[in-house]
Structure formats: structure tokens, C-alpha cells
N, C-alpha and C. Protein backbone atom coordinates (compact mmCIF):
# COMPACT_ATOMS: atom_id res chain seq x y z
N MET A 1 -15.78 90.03 47.00
CA MET A 1 -16.31 89.96 45.66
C MET A 1 -17.29 88.80 45.58
N SER A 2 -18.48 89.10 45.11
CA SER A 2 -19.45 88.02 45.00
C SER A 2 -20.57 88.39 44.05
N VAL A 3 -21.22 87.34 43.54
CA VAL A 3 -22.44 87.47 42.76
C VAL A 3 -23.45 86.55 43.42
N ASP A 4 -24.55 87.12 43.91
CA ASP A 4 -25.62 86.35 44.55
C ASP A 4 -26.90 86.50 43.75
N LEU A 5 -27.61 85.40 43.62
CA LEU A 5 -28.89 85.37 42.93
C LEU A 5 -30.01 85.20 43.94
N TYR A 6 -31.08 85.94 43.75
CA TYR A 6 -32.26 85.84 44.61
C TYR A 6 -33.44 85.36 43.77
N TRP A 7 -34.17 84.37 44.29
CA TRP A 7 -35.39 83.88 43.66
C TRP A 7 -36.58 84.49 44.38
N LEU A 8 -37.30 85.34 43.68
CA LEU A 8 -38.47 86.03 44.25
C LEU A 8 -39.74 85.44 43.65
N PRO A 9 -40.72 85.09 44.47
CA PRO A 9 -41.97 84.58 43.92
C PRO A 9 -42.59 85.62 42.98
N LEU A 10 -43.04 85.18 41.83
CA LEU A 10 -43.66 86.11 40.88
C LEU A 10 -44.82 86.82 41.54
N GLY A 11 -44.81 88.13 41.44
CA GLY A 11 -45.90 88.92 41.99
C GLY A 11 -45.80 89.18 43.47
N ALA A 12 -44.63 88.91 44.07
CA ALA A 12 -44.47 89.19 45.50
C ALA A 12 -44.85 90.64 45.76
N GLY A 13 -45.66 90.87 46.76
CA GLY A 13 -46.07 92.22 47.10
C GLY A 13 -47.26 92.73 46.31
N GLY A 14 -47.77 91.94 45.37
CA GLY A 14 -48.92 92.37 44.56
C GLY A 14 -49.79 91.20 44.20
N HIS A 15 -51.01 91.48 43.78
CA HIS A 15 -51.95 90.40 43.50
C HIS A 15 -52.17 90.17 42.01
N SER A 16 -52.20 91.21 41.20
CA SER A 16 -52.49 91.09 39.78
C SER A 16 -51.45 90.23 39.06
N VAL A 17 -50.17 90.55 39.25
CA VAL A 17 -49.11 89.80 38.58
C VAL A 17 -49.11 88.36 39.06
N ARG A 18 -49.29 88.15 40.35
CA ARG A 18 -49.31 86.80 40.89
C ARG A 18 -50.44 85.98 40.27
N TRP A 19 -51.64 86.57 40.19
CA TRP A 19 -52.80 85.86 39.62
C TRP A 19 -52.56 85.55 38.15
N ASN A 20 -52.09 86.54 37.38
CA ASN A 20 -51.83 86.31 35.96
C ASN A 20 -50.75 85.24 35.76
N GLY A 21 -49.74 85.25 36.62
CA GLY A 21 -48.70 84.23 36.54
C GLY A 21 -49.23 82.84 36.81
N ARG A 22 -50.13 82.73 37.77
CA ARG A 22 -50.73 81.41 38.06
C ARG A 22 -51.56 80.90 36.89
N VAL A 23 -52.28 81.81 36.26
CA VAL A 23 -53.07 81.42 35.08
C VAL A 23 -52.13 80.96 33.97
N TYR A 24 -51.08 81.74 33.72
CA TYR A 24 -50.09 81.38 32.69
C TYR A 24 -49.50 80.00 32.98
N GLU A 25 -49.04 79.79 34.21
CA GLU A 25 -48.40 78.51 34.57
C GLU A 25 -49.39 77.37 34.49
N ALA A 26 -50.64 77.58 34.84
CA ALA A 26 -51.66 76.53 34.74
C ALA A 26 -51.83 76.09 33.28
N VAL A 27 -51.85 77.04 32.37
CA VAL A 27 -51.99 76.71 30.94
C VAL A 27 -50.75 75.97 30.44
N VAL A 28 -49.56 76.47 30.79
CA VAL A 28 -48.32 75.82 30.37
C VAL A 28 -48.25 74.40 30.93
N ALA A 29 -48.59 74.23 32.18
CA ALA A 29 -48.55 72.90 32.81
C ALA A 29 -49.56 71.96 32.15
N TRP A 30 -50.74 72.47 31.87
CA TRP A 30 -51.77 71.64 31.23
C TRP A 30 -51.28 71.18 29.86
N ARG A 31 -50.68 72.10 29.09
CA ARG A 31 -50.19 71.74 27.75
C ARG A 31 -49.04 70.74 27.82
N ALA A 32 -48.24 70.81 28.89
CA ALA A 32 -47.09 69.92 29.05
C ALA A 32 -47.45 68.65 29.83
N HIS A 33 -48.71 68.52 30.22
CA HIS A 33 -49.18 67.35 30.99
C HIS A 33 -48.37 67.15 32.27
N ARG A 34 -48.25 68.24 33.04
CA ARG A 34 -47.52 68.18 34.32
C ARG A 34 -48.26 69.04 35.34
N GLN A 35 -47.83 68.93 36.58
CA GLN A 35 -48.39 69.76 37.64
C GLN A 35 -47.90 71.21 37.49
N ALA A 36 -48.74 72.15 37.86
CA ALA A 36 -48.32 73.55 37.87
C ALA A 36 -47.25 73.75 38.95
N ARG A 37 -46.33 74.66 38.69
CA ARG A 37 -45.23 74.95 39.61
C ARG A 37 -45.31 76.40 40.07
N ASP A 38 -44.58 76.71 41.12
CA ASP A 38 -44.43 78.10 41.54
C ASP A 38 -43.53 78.81 40.54
N ILE A 39 -43.83 80.07 40.25
CA ILE A 39 -43.03 80.85 39.28
C ILE A 39 -42.13 81.82 40.05
N TYR A 40 -40.86 81.88 39.60
CA TYR A 40 -39.89 82.75 40.24
C TYR A 40 -39.30 83.76 39.27
N HIS A 41 -38.96 84.90 39.83
CA HIS A 41 -38.32 86.02 39.14
C HIS A 41 -36.94 86.17 39.78
N ALA A 42 -35.90 86.29 38.97
CA ALA A 42 -34.54 86.37 39.48
C ALA A 42 -34.02 87.81 39.53
N ALA A 43 -33.20 88.08 40.53
CA ALA A 43 -32.50 89.36 40.67
C ALA A 43 -31.10 89.05 41.18
N LEU A 44 -30.18 89.97 40.93
CA LEU A 44 -28.78 89.77 41.33
C LEU A 44 -28.32 90.85 42.30
N GLU A 45 -27.41 90.44 43.17
CA GLU A 45 -26.68 91.38 44.01
C GLU A 45 -25.20 91.11 43.74
N VAL A 46 -24.48 92.15 43.33
CA VAL A 46 -23.07 92.01 42.96
C VAL A 46 -22.24 92.90 43.88
N ARG A 47 -21.23 92.30 44.49
CA ARG A 47 -20.31 93.06 45.36
C ARG A 47 -18.93 93.05 44.73
N VAL A 48 -18.38 94.28 44.59
CA VAL A 48 -17.03 94.46 44.07
C VAL A 48 -16.36 95.48 44.99
N ALA A 49 -15.26 95.05 45.61
CA ALA A 49 -14.57 95.87 46.61
C ALA A 49 -15.59 96.25 47.69
N ASP A 50 -15.74 97.53 47.97
CA ASP A 50 -16.69 97.96 49.00
C ASP A 50 -18.04 98.36 48.42
N ASP A 51 -18.23 98.15 47.14
CA ASP A 51 -19.48 98.55 46.48
C ASP A 51 -20.43 97.37 46.32
N ARG A 52 -21.72 97.67 46.47
CA ARG A 52 -22.77 96.66 46.29
C ARG A 52 -23.76 97.18 45.26
N TYR A 53 -24.08 96.34 44.28
CA TYR A 53 -25.01 96.70 43.22
C TYR A 53 -26.15 95.69 43.18
N VAL A 54 -27.33 96.17 42.85
CA VAL A 54 -28.47 95.32 42.60
C VAL A 54 -28.79 95.40 41.12
N ILE A 55 -28.97 94.25 40.49
CA ILE A 55 -29.42 94.22 39.10
C ILE A 55 -30.78 93.56 39.11
N GLU A 56 -31.76 94.33 38.68
CA GLU A 56 -33.14 93.88 38.71
C GLU A 56 -33.89 94.47 37.53
N VAL A 57 -34.95 93.80 37.15
CA VAL A 57 -35.79 94.26 36.05
C VAL A 57 -37.18 94.51 36.61
N GLY A 58 -37.78 95.61 36.20
CA GLY A 58 -39.12 95.92 36.67
C GLY A 58 -39.78 96.94 35.77
N PRO A 59 -41.05 97.24 36.06
CA PRO A 59 -41.77 98.22 35.24
C PRO A 59 -41.13 99.60 35.32
N ALA A 60 -41.13 100.30 34.19
CA ALA A 60 -40.53 101.63 34.14
C ALA A 60 -41.28 102.63 35.00
N TRP A 61 -42.55 102.39 35.22
CA TRP A 61 -43.39 103.34 35.96
C TRP A 61 -43.37 103.11 37.46
N ALA A 62 -42.73 102.05 37.92
CA ALA A 62 -42.79 101.72 39.36
C ALA A 62 -41.40 101.48 39.92
N SER A 63 -40.64 102.55 40.04
CA SER A 63 -39.28 102.36 40.54
C SER A 63 -38.87 103.50 41.46
N ALA A 64 -38.19 103.13 42.52
CA ALA A 64 -37.60 104.13 43.42
C ALA A 64 -36.13 104.34 43.06
N ALA A 65 -35.66 103.61 42.05
CA ALA A 65 -34.26 103.70 41.64
C ALA A 65 -33.97 105.04 40.99
N PRO A 66 -32.78 105.58 41.21
CA PRO A 66 -32.42 106.83 40.54
C PRO A 66 -32.31 106.60 39.02
N PRO A 67 -32.62 107.61 38.23
CA PRO A 67 -32.59 107.46 36.77
C PRO A 67 -31.26 106.94 36.23
N GLU A 68 -30.14 107.31 36.86
CA GLU A 68 -28.84 106.87 36.36
C GLU A 68 -28.61 105.37 36.55
N SER A 69 -29.46 104.71 37.33
CA SER A 69 -29.31 103.26 37.51
C SER A 69 -29.92 102.47 36.37
N VAL A 70 -30.73 103.10 35.54
CA VAL A 70 -31.37 102.41 34.41
C VAL A 70 -30.34 102.28 33.29
N VAL A 71 -29.98 101.02 32.97
CA VAL A 71 -28.96 100.79 31.95
C VAL A 71 -29.56 100.45 30.60
N CYS A 72 -30.81 99.99 30.57
CA CYS A 72 -31.52 99.79 29.31
C CYS A 72 -33.00 99.58 29.62
N ASP A 73 -33.81 99.67 28.58
CA ASP A 73 -35.24 99.45 28.76
C ASP A 73 -35.82 98.88 27.48
N GLY A 74 -37.04 98.38 27.57
CA GLY A 74 -37.68 97.80 26.40
C GLY A 74 -39.18 97.77 26.56
N PRO A 75 -39.88 97.40 25.49
CA PRO A 75 -41.34 97.36 25.51
C PRO A 75 -41.87 96.09 26.19
N VAL A 76 -43.10 96.18 26.65
CA VAL A 76 -43.79 95.05 27.28
C VAL A 76 -44.97 94.64 26.39
N GLY A 77 -45.06 93.36 26.09
CA GLY A 77 -46.22 92.81 25.38
C GLY A 77 -46.15 92.93 23.87
N ALA A 78 -46.01 94.14 23.36
CA ALA A 78 -45.91 94.39 21.92
C ALA A 78 -45.13 95.69 21.73
N ARG A 79 -44.27 95.69 20.74
CA ARG A 79 -43.40 96.84 20.52
C ARG A 79 -44.17 98.17 20.45
N PRO A 80 -45.30 98.27 19.74
CA PRO A 80 -46.01 99.55 19.68
C PRO A 80 -46.50 100.04 21.06
N LEU A 81 -46.83 99.10 21.95
CA LEU A 81 -47.28 99.50 23.29
C LEU A 81 -46.17 100.21 24.06
N GLY A 82 -44.93 99.90 23.71
CA GLY A 82 -43.78 100.46 24.40
C GLY A 82 -43.64 101.96 24.27
N ARG A 83 -44.46 102.59 23.42
CA ARG A 83 -44.43 104.05 23.33
C ARG A 83 -44.92 104.69 24.62
N SER A 84 -45.72 103.93 25.36
CA SER A 84 -46.24 104.40 26.65
C SER A 84 -45.36 103.87 27.77
N ARG A 85 -45.05 104.70 28.74
CA ARG A 85 -44.25 104.29 29.90
C ARG A 85 -44.93 103.15 30.66
N LEU A 86 -46.25 103.05 30.56
CA LEU A 86 -46.98 101.97 31.23
C LEU A 86 -46.63 100.60 30.67
N PHE A 87 -46.10 100.57 29.45
CA PHE A 87 -45.76 99.31 28.81
C PHE A 87 -44.27 99.24 28.48
N ARG A 88 -43.45 99.66 29.46
CA ARG A 88 -42.01 99.56 29.32
C ARG A 88 -41.41 98.96 30.59
N TYR A 89 -40.34 98.21 30.41
CA TYR A 89 -39.59 97.68 31.55
C TYR A 89 -38.22 98.32 31.56
N GLU A 90 -37.57 98.27 32.73
CA GLU A 90 -36.22 98.80 32.88
C GLU A 90 -35.31 97.72 33.44
N VAL A 91 -34.07 97.72 32.97
CA VAL A 91 -33.01 96.93 33.59
C VAL A 91 -32.22 97.94 34.42
N ARG A 92 -32.17 97.68 35.72
CA ARG A 92 -31.50 98.60 36.65
C ARG A 92 -30.24 97.95 37.22
N CYS A 93 -29.16 98.69 37.17
CA CYS A 93 -27.91 98.29 37.83
C CYS A 93 -27.66 99.41 38.84
N TRP A 94 -28.10 99.18 40.06
CA TRP A 94 -28.30 100.21 41.06
C TRP A 94 -27.30 100.06 42.19
N ARG A 95 -26.38 101.01 42.29
CA ARG A 95 -25.41 100.98 43.39
C ARG A 95 -26.16 101.22 44.70
N ASP A 96 -25.91 100.37 45.68
CA ASP A 96 -26.59 100.40 46.98
C ASP A 96 -28.10 100.27 46.82
N GLY A 97 -28.51 99.58 45.77
CA GLY A 97 -29.93 99.43 45.47
C GLY A 97 -30.66 98.47 46.39
N VAL A 98 -31.93 98.37 46.16
CA VAL A 98 -32.82 97.54 46.96
C VAL A 98 -33.53 96.56 46.04
N ILE A 99 -33.56 95.30 46.43
CA ILE A 99 -34.36 94.32 45.72
C ILE A 99 -35.74 94.35 46.37
N ALA A 100 -36.72 94.78 45.60
CA ALA A 100 -38.08 94.84 46.13
C ALA A 100 -38.52 93.45 46.59
N ASP A 101 -39.16 93.38 47.70
CA ASP A 101 -39.72 92.13 48.23
C ASP A 101 -38.67 91.07 48.54
N ILE A 102 -37.45 91.48 48.85
CA ILE A 102 -36.39 90.52 49.15
C ILE A 102 -36.75 89.64 50.35
N ALA A 103 -37.59 90.15 51.23
CA ALA A 103 -38.01 89.37 52.41
C ALA A 103 -38.80 88.13 52.01
N GLU A 104 -39.36 88.13 50.79
CA GLU A 104 -40.13 86.98 50.32
C GLU A 104 -39.30 86.01 49.48
N ALA A 105 -38.00 86.29 49.31
CA ALA A 105 -37.14 85.43 48.50
C ALA A 105 -37.13 84.00 49.04
N VAL A 106 -37.04 83.05 48.13
CA VAL A 106 -37.08 81.62 48.48
C VAL A 106 -35.72 81.00 48.14
N ALA A 107 -35.21 80.19 49.05
CA ALA A 107 -33.94 79.48 48.83
C ALA A 107 -32.86 80.45 48.35
N SER A 108 -32.76 81.57 48.99
CA SER A 108 -31.88 82.66 48.55
C SER A 108 -31.15 83.25 49.74
N PRO A 109 -30.01 83.87 49.50
CA PRO A 109 -29.35 84.03 48.21
C PRO A 109 -28.62 82.76 47.79
N VAL A 110 -28.44 82.64 46.49
CA VAL A 110 -27.64 81.57 45.91
C VAL A 110 -26.31 82.22 45.51
N ARG A 111 -25.24 81.80 46.14
CA ARG A 111 -23.92 82.35 45.80
C ARG A 111 -23.51 81.74 44.46
N VAL A 112 -23.44 82.58 43.44
CA VAL A 112 -23.10 82.13 42.10
C VAL A 112 -21.59 82.11 41.92
N SER A 113 -20.90 83.11 42.49
CA SER A 113 -19.44 83.09 42.43
C SER A 113 -18.86 84.09 43.42
N GLU A 114 -17.56 83.92 43.64
CA GLU A 114 -16.79 84.87 44.45
C GLU A 114 -15.59 85.36 43.65
N ASP A 115 -15.72 85.29 42.34
CA ASP A 115 -14.65 85.65 41.43
C ASP A 115 -14.77 87.12 41.06
N VAL A 116 -13.74 87.91 41.33
CA VAL A 116 -13.79 89.36 41.08
C VAL A 116 -13.95 89.67 39.60
N TRP A 117 -13.29 88.92 38.73
CA TRP A 117 -13.40 89.18 37.30
C TRP A 117 -14.83 88.97 36.83
N ARG A 118 -15.44 87.87 37.26
CA ARG A 118 -16.83 87.59 36.84
C ARG A 118 -17.80 88.63 37.41
N ALA A 119 -17.58 89.03 38.65
CA ALA A 119 -18.45 90.05 39.25
C ALA A 119 -18.36 91.36 38.46
N ARG A 120 -17.13 91.78 38.15
CA ARG A 120 -16.96 93.01 37.36
C ARG A 120 -17.57 92.85 35.96
N ARG A 121 -17.44 91.66 35.40
CA ARG A 121 -17.97 91.41 34.05
C ARG A 121 -19.49 91.54 34.04
N VAL A 122 -20.17 91.05 35.07
CA VAL A 122 -21.63 91.21 35.15
C VAL A 122 -21.98 92.69 35.10
N LEU A 123 -21.30 93.49 35.88
CA LEU A 123 -21.58 94.94 35.91
C LEU A 123 -21.27 95.59 34.56
N ASP A 124 -20.17 95.18 33.94
CA ASP A 124 -19.80 95.75 32.64
C ASP A 124 -20.81 95.39 31.55
N LEU A 125 -21.38 94.20 31.64
CA LEU A 125 -22.31 93.73 30.61
C LEU A 125 -23.72 94.29 30.76
N ALA A 126 -24.08 94.74 31.95
CA ALA A 126 -25.47 95.17 32.20
C ALA A 126 -26.01 96.14 31.14
N PRO A 127 -25.27 97.15 30.71
CA PRO A 127 -25.81 98.06 29.70
C PRO A 127 -25.98 97.42 28.31
N SER A 128 -25.42 96.22 28.12
CA SER A 128 -25.49 95.54 26.82
C SER A 128 -26.60 94.51 26.72
N VAL A 129 -27.41 94.39 27.77
CA VAL A 129 -28.49 93.40 27.75
C VAL A 129 -29.41 93.66 26.56
N PRO A 130 -29.76 92.63 25.79
CA PRO A 130 -30.71 92.85 24.70
C PRO A 130 -32.05 93.34 25.24
N ALA A 131 -32.67 94.25 24.55
CA ALA A 131 -33.95 94.84 25.00
C ALA A 131 -35.10 94.30 24.16
N TYR A 132 -35.25 92.98 24.18
CA TYR A 132 -36.37 92.37 23.47
C TYR A 132 -37.70 92.74 24.12
N THR A 133 -38.77 92.51 23.41
CA THR A 133 -40.10 92.77 23.95
C THR A 133 -40.41 91.75 25.04
N TRP A 134 -40.72 92.25 26.25
CA TRP A 134 -41.06 91.42 27.40
C TRP A 134 -42.27 90.55 27.06
N GLY A 135 -42.16 89.26 27.34
CA GLY A 135 -43.27 88.35 27.12
C GLY A 135 -43.31 87.75 25.72
N ARG A 136 -42.38 88.13 24.87
CA ARG A 136 -42.30 87.61 23.50
C ARG A 136 -41.03 86.78 23.34
N ASP A 137 -40.98 86.00 22.28
CA ASP A 137 -39.82 85.16 22.01
C ASP A 137 -38.90 85.84 21.00
N GLY A 138 -38.38 87.00 21.37
CA GLY A 138 -37.51 87.75 20.47
C GLY A 138 -36.19 87.06 20.18
N ALA A 139 -35.74 86.22 21.07
CA ALA A 139 -34.47 85.50 20.88
C ALA A 139 -34.67 84.21 20.09
N ARG A 140 -35.92 83.92 19.71
CA ARG A 140 -36.28 82.69 18.99
C ARG A 140 -35.75 81.46 19.73
N ALA A 141 -36.03 81.46 21.04
CA ALA A 141 -35.54 80.40 21.91
C ALA A 141 -36.62 79.41 22.32
N GLY A 142 -37.87 79.67 21.90
CA GLY A 142 -38.97 78.85 22.36
C GLY A 142 -39.36 79.21 23.79
N ASP A 143 -38.97 80.40 24.23
CA ASP A 143 -39.19 80.85 25.59
C ASP A 143 -39.34 82.37 25.55
N MET A 144 -40.15 82.92 26.43
CA MET A 144 -40.37 84.37 26.42
C MET A 144 -39.20 85.13 27.04
N TRP A 145 -39.02 86.37 26.61
CA TRP A 145 -37.99 87.25 27.17
C TRP A 145 -38.58 87.97 28.38
N ASN A 146 -37.86 87.95 29.50
CA ASN A 146 -38.32 88.64 30.71
C ASN A 146 -37.14 88.84 31.66
N SER A 147 -37.43 89.12 32.91
CA SER A 147 -36.37 89.39 33.89
C SER A 147 -35.44 88.19 34.06
N ASN A 148 -35.97 86.98 34.00
CA ASN A 148 -35.12 85.79 34.13
C ASN A 148 -34.16 85.68 32.94
N SER A 149 -34.62 86.10 31.77
CA SER A 149 -33.75 86.09 30.58
C SER A 149 -32.57 87.02 30.78
N VAL A 150 -32.85 88.20 31.34
CA VAL A 150 -31.79 89.18 31.58
C VAL A 150 -30.75 88.61 32.53
N VAL A 151 -31.19 88.02 33.63
CA VAL A 151 -30.26 87.46 34.62
C VAL A 151 -29.47 86.30 34.04
N SER A 152 -30.13 85.37 33.35
CA SER A 152 -29.40 84.23 32.79
C SER A 152 -28.43 84.69 31.71
N TRP A 153 -28.81 85.69 30.91
CA TRP A 153 -27.92 86.23 29.89
C TRP A 153 -26.67 86.82 30.53
N LEU A 154 -26.86 87.63 31.57
CA LEU A 154 -25.72 88.24 32.26
C LEU A 154 -24.78 87.18 32.85
N LEU A 155 -25.36 86.19 33.49
CA LEU A 155 -24.54 85.15 34.12
C LEU A 155 -23.80 84.31 33.08
N ALA A 156 -24.49 83.95 32.00
CA ALA A 156 -23.84 83.14 30.96
C ALA A 156 -22.73 83.93 30.26
N ARG A 157 -23.01 85.18 29.92
CA ARG A 157 -22.03 86.00 29.21
C ARG A 157 -20.81 86.34 30.07
N SER A 158 -20.99 86.33 31.39
CA SER A 158 -19.88 86.65 32.28
C SER A 158 -19.11 85.41 32.74
N GLY A 159 -19.41 84.26 32.14
CA GLY A 159 -18.64 83.06 32.40
C GLY A 159 -19.03 82.25 33.61
N HIS A 160 -20.22 82.48 34.14
CA HIS A 160 -20.69 81.70 35.29
C HIS A 160 -21.22 80.34 34.85
N ASP A 161 -21.20 79.39 35.76
CA ASP A 161 -21.70 78.04 35.50
C ASP A 161 -23.23 78.04 35.62
N VAL A 162 -23.90 78.38 34.54
CA VAL A 162 -25.36 78.50 34.57
C VAL A 162 -26.05 77.15 34.67
N ASP A 163 -25.36 76.07 34.32
CA ASP A 163 -25.97 74.74 34.44
C ASP A 163 -26.18 74.34 35.89
N ALA A 164 -25.44 74.95 36.79
CA ALA A 164 -25.56 74.63 38.21
C ALA A 164 -26.68 75.41 38.90
N ILE A 165 -27.31 76.33 38.18
CA ILE A 165 -28.34 77.19 38.77
C ILE A 165 -29.72 76.66 38.42
N VAL A 166 -30.50 76.39 39.46
CA VAL A 166 -31.87 75.90 39.26
C VAL A 166 -32.81 76.66 40.19
N PRO A 167 -34.06 76.82 39.77
CA PRO A 167 -35.03 77.48 40.66
C PRO A 167 -35.26 76.63 41.91
N PRO A 168 -35.90 77.21 42.91
CA PRO A 168 -36.23 76.45 44.12
C PRO A 168 -37.06 75.20 43.77
N PRO A 169 -37.07 74.19 44.67
CA PRO A 169 -37.85 72.98 44.42
C PRO A 169 -39.30 73.29 44.06
N ASP A 170 -39.83 72.53 43.12
CA ASP A 170 -41.21 72.69 42.64
C ASP A 170 -41.44 74.06 42.02
N GLY A 171 -40.37 74.69 41.55
CA GLY A 171 -40.49 76.02 40.95
C GLY A 171 -40.01 76.03 39.51
N THR A 172 -40.35 77.09 38.82
CA THR A 172 -39.92 77.29 37.45
C THR A 172 -39.55 78.75 37.26
N ALA A 173 -38.71 79.00 36.29
CA ALA A 173 -38.27 80.37 35.99
C ALA A 173 -38.45 80.60 34.48
N PRO A 174 -39.68 80.87 34.05
CA PRO A 174 -39.90 81.12 32.62
C PRO A 174 -38.98 82.22 32.13
N GLY A 175 -38.48 82.06 30.92
CA GLY A 175 -37.59 83.06 30.34
C GLY A 175 -36.12 82.75 30.53
N TRP A 176 -35.78 81.89 31.47
CA TRP A 176 -34.37 81.58 31.75
C TRP A 176 -33.66 81.07 30.50
N ASP A 177 -34.31 80.13 29.79
CA ASP A 177 -33.68 79.56 28.60
C ASP A 177 -33.50 80.58 27.48
N ALA A 178 -34.40 81.56 27.38
CA ALA A 178 -34.25 82.59 26.33
C ALA A 178 -32.95 83.35 26.54
N GLY A 179 -32.61 83.67 27.77
CA GLY A 179 -31.36 84.36 28.04
C GLY A 179 -30.15 83.52 27.69
N LEU A 180 -30.22 82.22 27.99
CA LEU A 180 -29.10 81.33 27.70
C LEU A 180 -28.91 81.19 26.19
N VAL A 181 -30.00 81.03 25.47
CA VAL A 181 -29.91 80.91 24.00
C VAL A 181 -29.31 82.17 23.41
N GLU A 182 -29.80 83.33 23.85
CA GLU A 182 -29.29 84.61 23.32
C GLU A 182 -27.83 84.79 23.69
N ALA A 183 -27.41 84.37 24.87
CA ALA A 183 -26.01 84.50 25.28
C ALA A 183 -25.10 83.70 24.37
N CYS A 184 -25.55 82.52 23.97
CA CYS A 184 -24.74 81.68 23.07
C CYS A 184 -24.70 82.27 21.67
N VAL A 185 -25.81 82.85 21.22
CA VAL A 185 -25.88 83.44 19.89
C VAL A 185 -24.93 84.63 19.79
N ARG A 186 -24.85 85.41 20.87
CA ARG A 186 -24.09 86.65 20.84
C ARG A 186 -22.67 86.50 21.37
N THR A 187 -22.21 85.27 21.60
CA THR A 187 -20.86 85.06 22.13
C THR A 187 -19.83 85.33 21.06
């Protein structure tokens, strides 16, 4: 029984997302009067008994995951855009799934726990993840909602020590705090 977290460089395997992320981080760093950092996207691998699950968030239009692995979805950018599949994200809880670009993961995996109850709780909570608009502050946390929010929400709600989890050195995980704030609000 285990819960492992993987830190994937934003835009691994693609150029557009990586470039946009660098621009975003440059602006955030400039406003905060600090150096720009590497941006990371979090994904989970959960093992319970002989079963292995991947929990990951990605675009609705770009997935090899079976439809039954999609536990919730939401709009990207603005709620009205979400009418189009091009502007929707999916939260996938995929048995025997694959974390895209896992070969590029940094300082990973991070063993979050080996507690069977917490591992089962992560899987049980996956369909309950809030489906806020990606890139917006729907949780009113001062942070955008994204894949990191989903992972931090799941870990916090399942009783994991989220204070012990940090991105790789010189890295940042935008959205992480939004998930933590929402987890406390909905406790």
C-alpha cells in the first residue's frame, strides 16, 4: 500500500505549454521581486493490494485513458469556453494507468505514505474533487485552480501530511495552495 507523488516539469513533452508556463512564471517572479523558478505539475500513483492507480489531470481532448477512468471534469480558462472539449480538463483515476512523461519526472517519486487507509481514501475521494475553472481562483485562495490543486486537495482530504511536501529545489507548484485552502473549507 502506498501513495507516491511525481513532480513533472510543466509542459514535458510539448513546447507550447512549457513556453506559456515560463512566461507566466516570469511575470509572477517579477511581481514578487524574486528569481523565476521551474514550474511543476503533480500526479499520483496509488497502490492498494495488487492494484495500481494513476491519478492525473490533463486536457479532455488528449488522453489515452479509458472513458471509465474519468472521475470528473471542468472548464479551462472561462466557464463558457468549457462547452467545447478543447477547453475542458479531466481528472483521471486510471487503474494500471500511465503518467505521461514520467521519464522526465524530477526528484520523484516522493513516497507520501504507506498507509492503506489513506491510500484507499485518496481513491474514494477522487470523484469528489471540486471542478473549478482551470486557471481561475474559484476556491478564493489567492491561487489558481489546476492539476496541483487537485493533488493537494486529495492528499489533504485523505489525511496526509501536506506540510512535508515541497516541489523540487528551485521549483514551484502553482495551484498547490488553492487545493489546500479548498480542502480546509470542505472539511
